[in-house]
Amino acid sequence: MIDVHQHLWPEAFVDRLRARREPPYLDGWTLYCATEAPYEVDPAAHEIGKRVALEEDTGTTLAAVSLSSPLGVEELGDAELLEAWHQGAAEFPAPFRAWASVNLLEPDVPGLEALLHKGFLGLQLPAHVLTTPTAWEAQAEILRVLEQAGKPILVHPGKAHPTEAPGWWAPVVDYTAQLQAAWWAWHAYGGRRSFPELRLCFVAAAGLAPVHHERLAARGGRLGTIDPQLFVDTSSYGPQGIDAVARVLGIDQVVHGTDRPYAEAADLRQGDAATAVIRHDNPYRLLFGTGSPERGVQ
């Protein structure tokens, strides 16, 4: 089983968060972000031995971990914090491998190429910086690097807007809105014409954006044929949401992602054959391109 969407903080990254005095920072295990309420982090969720044991128990052969984009690290200009993430993530034991991140204020393209060469699976980009066609165009140099390297992009929710709403508001409302906007912006930009070989995955079923394709058609838009290089993951959704998305995109574009430790896998009730495809074959195509080894092989 391959899980394309998890989070796990290296010890050096935690230490650097505690050394900061402005959001994002940790006070003990209380996380303070610029736009969300304080969050009590579970220390066990970032204890590597416990996480390895958990993945072994669930039969995970590869767990792809990424920097938590809602922290806003990619736009801080804190080189030490990004370095702490990459150095620590590169040393995670199996079954963990990591997505790279990049300083979006001044992208270090050679540095990104080096990370990909060292074994990072691809690049995570925060959805809130991709919500218009021109925003995608602004990242063209970075996208080209990933396409040329044969590595995928993971589109993940980024910083939420400040609000006085309950704690569930950002994940349920803001994050999904970001993902939907980034999904539609990619299509409006004509991303596939510009990057014909680039593989992308939108987490959390792209905020269920594909379900709105009927509305697109009703308003005079046209999506075109199914894009075999464009994927969505299953994180935070169950059988209703994933069934609806799969009816639009097809089962081959759905990949297993849990968002662990913030959520767990749900029984999608898709049947054994579809479950095997979602949990292994499709994630393998996303991460490594065409072809797939025997199930259970990393």
Protein backbone atom coordinates (compact mmCIF):
# COMPACT_ATOMS: atom_id res chain seq x y z
CA MET A 1 0.00 0.00 0.00
CA ILE A 2 1.24 3.49 -0.91
CA ASP A 3 0.07 6.59 0.96
CA VAL A 4 0.88 9.77 -0.97
CA HIS A 5 -0.14 12.25 1.75
CA GLN A 6 1.14 12.22 5.31
CA HIS A 7 2.87 14.64 7.66
CA LEU A 8 5.78 13.94 10.01
CA TRP A 9 8.06 16.57 11.52
CA PRO A 10 11.79 15.90 11.93
CA GLU A 11 13.25 16.71 15.35
CA ALA A 12 15.37 19.56 13.95
CA PHE A 13 12.28 21.10 12.37
CA VAL A 14 10.44 20.97 15.70
CA ASP A 15 13.43 22.59 17.40
CA ARG A 16 13.52 25.38 14.83
CA LEU A 17 9.78 26.03 15.25
CA ARG A 18 10.38 26.36 19.00
CA ALA A 19 13.21 28.82 18.40
CA ARG A 20 10.95 31.17 16.43
CA ARG A 21 9.15 34.07 18.11
CA GLU A 22 6.67 34.86 15.33
CA PRO A 23 4.11 32.56 13.73
CA PRO A 24 4.49 29.81 12.91
CA TYR A 25 6.12 28.69 16.14
CA LEU A 26 5.82 26.05 18.83
CA ASP A 27 5.51 26.74 22.55
CA GLY A 28 6.08 23.28 23.95
CA TRP A 29 3.66 21.35 21.78
CA THR A 30 1.22 24.21 21.20
CA LEU A 31 1.39 25.41 17.61
CA TYR A 32 0.73 29.07 16.84
CA CYS A 33 -0.02 30.07 13.25
CA ALA A 34 -0.70 33.53 11.86
CA THR A 35 -4.24 32.82 10.69
CA GLU A 36 -5.58 29.93 12.78
CA ALA A 37 -6.32 29.25 16.42
CA PRO A 38 -3.59 27.62 18.57
CA TYR A 39 -3.41 23.88 18.00
CA GLU A 40 -2.30 21.24 20.51
CA VAL A 41 0.05 18.93 18.63
CA ASP A 42 0.16 15.28 19.69
CA PRO A 43 3.87 14.51 20.40
CA ALA A 44 3.34 10.85 19.53
CA ALA A 45 2.28 11.87 16.01
CA HIS A 46 5.85 12.98 15.32
CA GLU A 47 7.69 10.22 17.17
CA ILE A 48 9.40 8.34 14.37
CA GLY A 49 9.45 4.92 16.04
CA LYS A 50 5.72 4.98 16.71
CA ARG A 51 4.95 6.15 13.19
CA VAL A 52 7.09 3.41 11.62
CA ALA A 53 5.30 0.81 13.74
CA LEU A 54 1.92 2.22 12.71
CA GLU A 55 2.77 2.00 9.01
CA GLU A 56 4.03 -1.55 9.44
CA ASP A 57 0.76 -2.49 11.13
CA THR A 58 -1.29 -1.01 8.30
CA GLY A 59 0.82 -2.60 5.56
CA THR A 60 2.19 0.65 4.14
CA THR A 61 5.19 0.09 1.86
CA LEU A 62 5.68 3.77 1.06
CA ALA A 63 4.42 6.81 2.99
CA ALA A 64 5.04 10.18 1.32
CA VAL A 65 5.38 12.92 3.94
CA SER A 66 5.30 16.64 3.30
CA LEU A 67 5.78 19.96 5.02
CA SER A 68 2.52 21.30 6.44
CA SER A 69 1.73 24.09 3.97
CA PRO A 70 -0.87 25.81 6.22
CA LEU A 71 2.11 26.88 8.35
CA GLY A 72 3.10 29.22 5.53
CA VAL A 73 6.77 28.18 5.62
CA GLU A 74 7.17 28.52 1.85
CA GLU A 75 6.54 32.28 2.09
CA LEU A 76 8.51 33.06 5.26
CA GLY A 77 11.97 33.37 3.79
CA ASP A 78 13.25 31.33 6.78
CA ALA A 79 16.01 29.33 5.12
CA GLU A 80 16.93 27.55 8.35
CA LEU A 81 13.40 26.25 8.82
CA LEU A 82 13.24 24.89 5.26
CA GLU A 83 16.70 23.38 5.62
CA ALA A 84 15.69 21.71 8.89
CA TRP A 85 12.72 20.15 7.11
CA HIS A 86 14.71 18.85 4.16
CA GLN A 87 17.67 17.56 6.15
CA GLY A 88 15.48 15.78 8.67
CA ALA A 89 13.02 14.40 6.11
CA ALA A 90 15.86 13.01 4.00
CA GLU A 91 16.90 10.86 6.97
CA PHE A 92 13.49 9.33 7.69
CA PRO A 93 13.62 5.52 7.68
CA ALA A 94 11.46 3.32 5.47
CA PRO A 95 8.63 3.36 4.63
CA PHE A 96 8.86 7.16 4.67
CA ARG A 97 9.99 9.33 1.78
CA ALA A 98 9.39 13.05 1.42
CA TRP A 99 8.02 15.73 -0.83
CA ALA A 100 10.30 18.74 -1.22
CA SER A 101 9.24 22.33 -0.57
CA VAL A 102 10.63 25.58 -1.92
CA ASN A 103 11.00 29.18 -0.82
CA LEU A 104 8.41 30.86 -3.03
CA LEU A 105 9.77 34.35 -2.32
CA GLU A 106 13.07 33.56 -4.03
CA PRO A 107 12.94 30.03 -5.46
CA ASP A 108 16.28 28.24 -5.43
CA VAL A 109 15.93 26.27 -8.64
CA PRO A 110 19.37 24.58 -8.49
CA GLY A 111 18.66 23.68 -4.87
CA LEU A 112 15.32 22.15 -5.84
CA GLU A 113 16.97 20.15 -8.61
CA ALA A 114 19.50 18.88 -6.09
CA LEU A 115 16.76 17.76 -3.70
CA LEU A 116 14.99 15.86 -6.47
CA HIS A 117 18.28 14.23 -7.42
CA LYS A 118 18.79 13.17 -3.79
CA GLY A 119 15.56 11.21 -3.71
CA PHE A 120 12.73 13.58 -2.84
CA LEU A 121 9.59 12.30 -4.52
CA GLY A 122 8.47 15.60 -6.01
CA LEU A 123 7.39 19.06 -4.89
CA GLN A 124 4.54 20.20 -2.68
CA LEU A 125 3.00 23.56 -3.58
CA PRO A 126 0.45 25.39 -1.40
CA ALA A 127 -2.91 25.79 -3.09
CA HIS A 128 -3.45 29.36 -1.94
CA VAL A 129 -0.68 30.58 -4.29
CA LEU A 130 -2.25 28.78 -7.29
CA THR A 131 -5.80 30.13 -7.27
CA THR A 132 -5.71 32.02 -10.59
CA PRO A 133 -4.41 31.20 -14.07
CA THR A 134 -1.71 33.87 -13.75
CA ALA A 135 -0.65 32.34 -10.42
CA TRP A 136 0.06 29.03 -12.16
CA GLU A 137 1.91 30.90 -14.90
CA ALA A 138 4.07 32.57 -12.25
CA GLN A 139 5.31 29.14 -11.14
CA ALA A 140 6.20 28.04 -14.67
CA GLU A 141 9.95 27.78 -14.02
CA ILE A 142 9.38 25.50 -11.04
CA LEU A 143 6.82 23.40 -12.90
CA ARG A 144 9.26 22.95 -15.76
CA VAL A 145 11.92 21.65 -13.37
CA LEU A 146 9.52 19.00 -12.08
CA GLU A 147 8.36 18.01 -15.55
CA GLN A 148 11.90 17.65 -16.84
CA ALA A 149 12.87 15.60 -13.79
CA GLY A 150 9.86 13.33 -14.24
CA LYS A 151 8.67 14.18 -10.73
CA PRO A 152 5.10 15.06 -9.63
CA ILE A 153 3.55 18.08 -7.92
CA LEU A 154 1.41 17.72 -4.79
CA VAL A 155 -1.09 20.57 -4.41
CA HIS A 156 -1.87 20.98 -0.70
CA PRO A 157 -3.91 23.61 1.17
CA GLY A 158 -1.85 26.58 2.28
CA LYS A 159 -2.42 29.44 4.70
CA ALA A 160 -6.02 30.09 5.66
CA HIS A 161 -7.63 33.50 5.86
CA PRO A 162 -7.97 34.88 9.40
CA THR A 163 -11.40 34.25 10.86
CA GLU A 164 -13.27 34.16 14.15
CA ALA A 165 -15.08 30.98 13.08
CA PRO A 166 -14.73 27.61 14.89
CA GLY A 167 -11.55 25.56 14.57
CA TRP A 168 -13.05 23.29 11.92
CA TRP A 169 -13.69 26.24 9.60
CA ALA A 170 -10.28 26.40 7.93
CA PRO A 171 -10.08 22.68 7.02
CA VAL A 172 -13.71 22.44 5.93
CA VAL A 173 -14.23 25.80 4.21
CA ASP A 174 -10.94 27.58 3.50
CA TYR A 175 -8.81 24.60 2.51
CA THR A 176 -11.40 23.16 0.17
CA ALA A 177 -11.98 26.56 -1.43
CA GLN A 178 -8.25 26.88 -2.08
CA LEU A 179 -8.11 23.46 -3.68
CA GLN A 180 -11.14 24.11 -5.86
CA ALA A 181 -9.74 27.43 -7.05
CA ALA A 182 -6.33 25.86 -7.80
CA TRP A 183 -8.03 23.03 -9.73
CA TRP A 184 -10.06 25.39 -11.90
CA ALA A 185 -7.13 27.78 -12.32
CA TRP A 186 -4.98 24.93 -13.66
CA HIS A 187 -7.59 24.18 -16.29
CA ALA A 188 -8.22 27.84 -17.14
CA TYR A 189 -4.48 28.39 -17.47
CA GLY A 190 -4.27 25.51 -19.92
CA GLY A 191 -1.65 23.82 -17.80
CA ARG A 192 -1.68 20.60 -19.77
CA ARG A 193 -0.80 22.41 -22.99
CA SER A 194 2.17 24.07 -21.31
CA PHE A 195 3.30 21.00 -19.38
CA PRO A 196 2.17 17.90 -21.28
CA GLU A 197 4.13 15.41 -19.15
CA LEU A 198 3.76 16.95 -15.69
CA ARG A 199 1.99 14.74 -13.14
CA LEU A 200 -0.08 16.50 -10.46
CA CYS A 201 -2.09 15.41 -7.46
CA PHE A 202 -4.61 17.58 -5.64
CA VAL A 203 -5.11 16.40 -2.07
CA ALA A 204 -8.52 16.00 -0.42
CA ALA A 205 -10.13 15.17 -3.78
CA ALA A 206 -9.34 18.73 -4.95
CA GLY A 207 -11.99 19.96 -2.52
CA LEU A 208 -14.49 17.94 -4.61
CA ALA A 209 -13.93 20.32 -7.52
CA PRO A 210 -14.48 17.54 -10.11
CA VAL A 211 -18.04 17.11 -8.86
CA HIS A 212 -18.75 20.59 -10.21
CA HIS A 213 -17.89 19.66 -13.79
CA GLU A 214 -21.62 19.47 -14.57
CA ARG A 215 -21.92 23.11 -13.52
CA LEU A 216 -18.94 23.95 -15.73
CA ALA A 217 -20.76 22.45 -18.72
CA ALA A 218 -23.98 24.23 -17.78
CA ARG A 219 -22.15 27.56 -17.79
CA GLY A 220 -20.55 27.06 -21.18
CA GLY A 221 -17.22 25.56 -20.14
CA ARG A 222 -15.67 22.36 -21.37
CA LEU A 223 -13.23 20.13 -19.48
CA GLY A 224 -12.26 17.82 -22.32
CA THR A 225 -11.14 14.21 -22.00
CA ILE A 226 -9.92 12.60 -18.78
CA ASP A 227 -6.32 13.63 -18.04
CA PRO A 228 -4.28 10.53 -17.09
CA GLN A 229 -1.57 12.72 -15.51
CA LEU A 230 -3.96 14.48 -13.12
CA PHE A 231 -4.82 12.80 -9.83
CA VAL A 232 -6.76 13.47 -6.64
CA ASP A 233 -6.18 11.84 -3.27
CA THR A 234 -8.74 10.44 -0.86
CA SER A 235 -7.74 12.29 2.33
CA SER A 236 -10.61 13.31 4.64
CA TYR A 237 -13.28 11.84 2.37
CA GLY A 238 -15.27 8.64 2.50
CA PRO A 239 -17.39 6.59 0.09
CA GLN A 240 -19.83 9.36 -0.84
CA GLY A 241 -17.24 11.95 -1.82
CA ILE A 242 -14.82 9.58 -3.52
CA ASP A 243 -17.56 7.76 -5.41
CA ALA A 244 -18.81 11.08 -6.76
CA VAL A 245 -15.31 12.15 -7.85
CA ALA A 246 -14.51 8.76 -9.38
CA ARG A 247 -17.69 8.94 -11.47
CA VAL A 248 -16.27 12.07 -13.10
CA LEU A 249 -12.55 11.31 -13.33
CA GLY A 250 -12.59 7.53 -13.37
CA ILE A 251 -11.14 5.26 -10.70
CA ASP A 252 -7.66 5.37 -12.27
CA GLN A 253 -7.16 9.01 -11.22
CA VAL A 254 -7.89 8.43 -7.52
CA VAL A 255 -4.94 7.75 -5.19
CA HIS A 256 -4.71 6.74 -1.56
CA GLY A 257 -3.81 9.59 0.80
CA THR A 258 -4.66 9.77 4.48
CA ASP A 259 -3.33 13.12 5.78
CA ARG A 260 -2.05 11.16 8.81
CA PRO A 261 -1.77 12.15 11.67
CA TYR A 262 -4.65 14.62 11.13
CA ALA A 263 -6.98 12.04 9.58
CA GLU A 264 -7.08 8.32 8.88
CA ALA A 265 -8.07 6.15 5.94
CA ALA A 266 -11.78 5.51 5.45
CA ASP A 267 -13.45 2.45 4.01
CA LEU A 268 -14.37 3.70 0.55
CA ARG A 269 -16.55 0.66 -0.14
CA GLN A 270 -15.26 0.44 -3.71
CA GLY A 271 -14.64 -3.31 -3.73
CA ASP A 272 -11.37 -5.24 -3.49
CA ALA A 273 -10.18 -4.64 -7.05
CA ALA A 274 -10.78 -0.88 -6.98
CA THR A 275 -9.28 -0.60 -3.51
CA ALA A 276 -6.09 -2.29 -4.70
CA VAL A 277 -5.84 0.11 -7.64
CA ILE A 278 -6.43 3.16 -5.44
CA ARG A 279 -3.97 2.04 -2.78
CA HIS A 280 -1.15 0.84 -4.99
CA ASP A 281 -1.30 1.04 -8.78
CA ASN A 282 -2.54 4.61 -9.08
CA PRO A 283 -0.19 6.06 -6.42
CA TYR A 284 2.71 4.32 -8.12
CA ARG A 285 1.82 5.90 -11.47
CA LEU A 286 1.56 9.31 -9.80
CA LEU A 287 4.92 9.06 -8.05
CA PHE A 288 6.98 7.16 -10.59
CA GLY A 289 5.22 7.38 -13.95
CA THR A 290 3.98 4.47 -16.02
CA GLY A 291 4.34 0.89 -14.92
CA SER A 292 3.99 -0.68 -11.49
CA PRO A 293 5.90 -3.35 -9.59
CA GLU A 294 4.15 -6.18 -7.86
CA ARG A 295 1.91 -5.00 -5.06
CA GLY A 296 3.76 -4.88 -1.78
CA VAL A 297 7.02 -3.94 -3.52
CA GLN A 298 8.25 -0.42 -2.82
